[in-house]
Amino acid sequence: MSGSTKAMTIVTCAVLVLISAYTVALGSSGWLWFGWIVLMVATIGMAAADSTESVTARRGPRAGGTGPTPR
């Protein structure tokens, strides 16, 4: 996981704690929970893109790509 993905995960968890505390203290707000769900989906997407990027980087170039042609 890259540094930006870790930071996004930490922010998402911190916002969950803050929204939970807000809900306990002042009552539920649907918009806050909706915003947190959007943030969570963005974090999951970022983590998925990060993991896909590292897998393709390890594979290297595909066979049959550019390069000298065997005779």
N, C-alpha and C. Protein backbone atom coordinates (compact mmCIF):
# COMPACT_ATOMS: atom_id res chain seq x y z
N MET A 1 0.84 -1.17 0.00
CA MET A 1 0.00 0.00 0.00
C MET A 1 0.89 1.24 0.00
N SER A 2 0.54 2.17 -0.85
CA SER A 2 1.33 3.40 -0.92
C SER A 2 1.00 4.31 0.25
N GLY A 3 1.79 5.34 0.42
CA GLY A 3 1.59 6.27 1.53
C GLY A 3 0.26 7.00 1.45
N SER A 4 -0.15 7.37 0.23
CA SER A 4 -1.42 8.09 0.09
C SER A 4 -2.62 7.19 0.41
N THR A 5 -2.52 5.92 0.09
CA THR A 5 -3.61 4.99 0.41
C THR A 5 -3.70 4.77 1.92
N LYS A 6 -2.55 4.67 2.58
CA LYS A 6 -2.56 4.53 4.04
C LYS A 6 -3.15 5.77 4.70
N ALA A 7 -2.79 6.94 4.20
CA ALA A 7 -3.32 8.19 4.75
C ALA A 7 -4.84 8.26 4.56
N MET A 8 -5.30 7.86 3.38
CA MET A 8 -6.75 7.87 3.11
C MET A 8 -7.48 6.91 4.04
N THR A 9 -6.89 5.75 4.31
CA THR A 9 -7.50 4.78 5.22
C THR A 9 -7.58 5.33 6.64
N ILE A 10 -6.52 5.99 7.08
CA ILE A 10 -6.51 6.60 8.42
C ILE A 10 -7.56 7.69 8.52
N VAL A 11 -7.66 8.52 7.50
CA VAL A 11 -8.67 9.59 7.50
C VAL A 11 -10.07 9.00 7.53
N THR A 12 -10.31 7.96 6.76
CA THR A 12 -11.63 7.31 6.74
C THR A 12 -12.00 6.77 8.11
N CYS A 13 -11.06 6.12 8.78
CA CYS A 13 -11.32 5.59 10.12
C CYS A 13 -11.55 6.72 11.13
N ALA A 14 -10.77 7.78 11.03
CA ALA A 14 -10.94 8.92 11.94
C ALA A 14 -12.30 9.58 11.75
N VAL A 15 -12.72 9.71 10.51
CA VAL A 15 -14.04 10.31 10.24
C VAL A 15 -15.14 9.41 10.77
N LEU A 16 -14.98 8.09 10.68
CA LEU A 16 -15.97 7.18 11.25
C LEU A 16 -16.11 7.39 12.75
N VAL A 17 -14.99 7.53 13.44
CA VAL A 17 -15.02 7.77 14.89
C VAL A 17 -15.71 9.09 15.19
N LEU A 18 -15.37 10.14 14.44
CA LEU A 18 -15.98 11.45 14.67
C LEU A 18 -17.49 11.45 14.40
N ILE A 19 -17.90 10.80 13.32
CA ILE A 19 -19.34 10.74 13.02
C ILE A 19 -20.07 9.92 14.07
N SER A 20 -19.46 8.85 14.54
CA SER A 20 -20.08 8.04 15.60
C SER A 20 -20.25 8.86 16.88
N ALA A 21 -19.23 9.63 17.24
CA ALA A 21 -19.31 10.48 18.43
C ALA A 21 -20.39 11.56 18.25
N TYR A 22 -20.45 12.14 17.07
CA TYR A 22 -21.47 13.15 16.77
C TYR A 22 -22.87 12.55 16.90
N THR A 23 -23.04 11.33 16.37
CA THR A 23 -24.34 10.67 16.43
C THR A 23 -24.76 10.39 17.86
N VAL A 24 -23.83 9.97 18.69
CA VAL A 24 -24.14 9.69 20.09
C VAL A 24 -24.48 10.98 20.83
N ALA A 25 -23.73 12.03 20.57
CA ALA A 25 -23.91 13.29 21.31
C ALA A 25 -25.11 14.10 20.84
N LEU A 26 -25.28 14.23 19.53
CA LEU A 26 -26.28 15.16 19.01
C LEU A 26 -27.38 14.51 18.18
N GLY A 27 -27.26 13.26 17.87
CA GLY A 27 -28.28 12.59 17.06
C GLY A 27 -27.76 12.31 15.66
N SER A 28 -28.46 11.44 14.99
CA SER A 28 -28.02 10.98 13.69
C SER A 28 -28.23 12.03 12.60
N SER A 29 -27.33 12.04 11.65
CA SER A 29 -27.44 12.90 10.47
C SER A 29 -27.19 12.02 9.25
N GLY A 30 -28.21 11.85 8.46
CA GLY A 30 -28.10 10.99 7.29
C GLY A 30 -27.04 11.46 6.30
N TRP A 31 -26.90 12.78 6.16
CA TRP A 31 -25.91 13.31 5.22
C TRP A 31 -24.49 12.99 5.65
N LEU A 32 -24.23 13.02 6.97
CA LEU A 32 -22.89 12.67 7.44
C LEU A 32 -22.58 11.21 7.14
N TRP A 33 -23.54 10.33 7.40
CA TRP A 33 -23.32 8.91 7.11
C TRP A 33 -23.19 8.65 5.62
N PHE A 34 -23.98 9.36 4.82
CA PHE A 34 -23.86 9.21 3.37
C PHE A 34 -22.47 9.66 2.91
N GLY A 35 -21.99 10.77 3.44
CA GLY A 35 -20.66 11.26 3.09
C GLY A 35 -19.58 10.28 3.50
N TRP A 36 -19.76 9.65 4.67
CA TRP A 36 -18.77 8.67 5.11
C TRP A 36 -18.76 7.45 4.19
N ILE A 37 -19.93 7.02 3.74
CA ILE A 37 -20.00 5.88 2.82
C ILE A 37 -19.30 6.21 1.51
N VAL A 38 -19.51 7.42 1.01
CA VAL A 38 -18.81 7.84 -0.21
C VAL A 38 -17.30 7.83 0.01
N LEU A 39 -16.85 8.33 1.15
CA LEU A 39 -15.42 8.33 1.49
C LEU A 39 -14.89 6.90 1.58
N MET A 40 -15.66 6.00 2.18
CA MET A 40 -15.24 4.61 2.31
C MET A 40 -15.11 3.94 0.93
N VAL A 41 -16.08 4.18 0.06
CA VAL A 41 -16.02 3.60 -1.29
C VAL A 41 -14.81 4.14 -2.06
N ALA A 42 -14.53 5.43 -1.91
CA ALA A 42 -13.35 6.01 -2.56
C ALA A 42 -12.07 5.39 -2.02
N THR A 43 -12.03 5.13 -0.71
CA THR A 43 -10.85 4.51 -0.11
C THR A 43 -10.66 3.09 -0.61
N ILE A 44 -11.74 2.34 -0.71
CA ILE A 44 -11.66 0.97 -1.23
C ILE A 44 -11.20 0.98 -2.68
N GLY A 45 -11.72 1.91 -3.46
CA GLY A 45 -11.29 2.02 -4.85
C GLY A 45 -9.82 2.37 -4.98
N MET A 46 -9.37 3.25 -4.11
CA MET A 46 -7.96 3.64 -4.12
C MET A 46 -7.07 2.46 -3.75
N ALA A 47 -7.48 1.68 -2.76
CA ALA A 47 -6.70 0.51 -2.35
C ALA A 47 -6.70 -0.54 -3.46
N ALA A 48 -7.82 -0.71 -4.13
CA ALA A 48 -7.89 -1.69 -5.22
C ALA A 48 -7.00 -1.26 -6.38
N ALA A 49 -7.02 0.01 -6.72
CA ALA A 49 -6.17 0.51 -7.80
C ALA A 49 -4.70 0.38 -7.43
N ASP A 50 -4.38 0.63 -6.18
CA ASP A 50 -3.00 0.52 -5.71
C ASP A 50 -2.51 -0.91 -5.78
N SER A 51 -3.36 -1.87 -5.39
CA SER A 51 -2.93 -3.27 -5.42
C SER A 51 -2.82 -3.78 -6.84
N THR A 52 -3.69 -3.32 -7.74
CA THR A 52 -3.62 -3.73 -9.15
C THR A 52 -2.36 -3.19 -9.80
N GLU A 53 -1.99 -1.97 -9.45
CA GLU A 53 -0.79 -1.35 -10.01
C GLU A 53 0.46 -2.12 -9.62
N SER A 54 0.54 -2.58 -8.38
CA SER A 54 1.73 -3.30 -7.93
C SER A 54 1.81 -4.68 -8.56
N VAL A 55 0.68 -5.31 -8.87
CA VAL A 55 0.69 -6.63 -9.50
C VAL A 55 1.18 -6.51 -10.93
N THR A 56 0.70 -5.51 -11.67
CA THR A 56 1.13 -5.36 -13.06
C THR A 56 2.59 -4.93 -13.15
N ALA A 57 3.09 -4.22 -12.17
CA ALA A 57 4.49 -3.80 -12.18
C ALA A 57 5.41 -5.00 -11.97
N ARG A 58 4.98 -5.99 -11.21
CA ARG A 58 5.80 -7.17 -10.94
C ARG A 58 5.87 -8.10 -12.15
N ARG A 59 4.83 -8.12 -12.96
CA ARG A 59 4.78 -9.05 -14.10
C ARG A 59 5.80 -8.70 -15.18
N GLY A 60 6.00 -7.43 -15.42
CA GLY A 60 6.91 -7.01 -16.47
C GLY A 60 6.22 -7.05 -17.83
N PRO A 61 6.99 -6.91 -18.91
CA PRO A 61 6.39 -6.89 -20.24
C PRO A 61 5.84 -8.25 -20.63
N ARG A 62 4.82 -8.22 -21.46
CA ARG A 62 4.22 -9.48 -21.92
C ARG A 62 5.07 -10.11 -23.01
N ALA A 63 4.93 -11.42 -23.13
CA ALA A 63 5.63 -12.14 -24.20
C ALA A 63 5.03 -11.73 -25.53
N GLY A 64 5.84 -11.67 -26.56
CA GLY A 64 5.35 -11.31 -27.89
C GLY A 64 5.29 -9.81 -28.10
N GLY A 65 5.84 -9.05 -27.20
CA GLY A 65 5.84 -7.60 -27.33
C GLY A 65 6.93 -7.14 -28.27
N THR A 66 7.33 -5.93 -28.13
CA THR A 66 8.39 -5.40 -29.00
C THR A 66 9.73 -6.00 -28.60
N GLY A 67 10.58 -6.06 -29.54
CA GLY A 67 11.90 -6.62 -29.30
C GLY A 67 12.39 -7.37 -30.49
N PRO A 68 13.57 -7.95 -30.41
CA PRO A 68 14.10 -8.68 -31.58
C PRO A 68 13.25 -9.92 -31.90
N THR A 69 13.09 -10.17 -33.18
CA THR A 69 12.31 -11.32 -33.62
C THR A 69 13.25 -12.50 -33.82
N PRO A 70 12.92 -13.66 -33.21
CA PRO A 70 13.78 -14.84 -33.38
C PRO A 70 13.74 -15.33 -34.83
N ARG A 71 14.88 -15.85 -35.34
CA ARG A 71 14.92 -16.33 -36.73
C ARG A 71 14.87 -17.81 -36.78
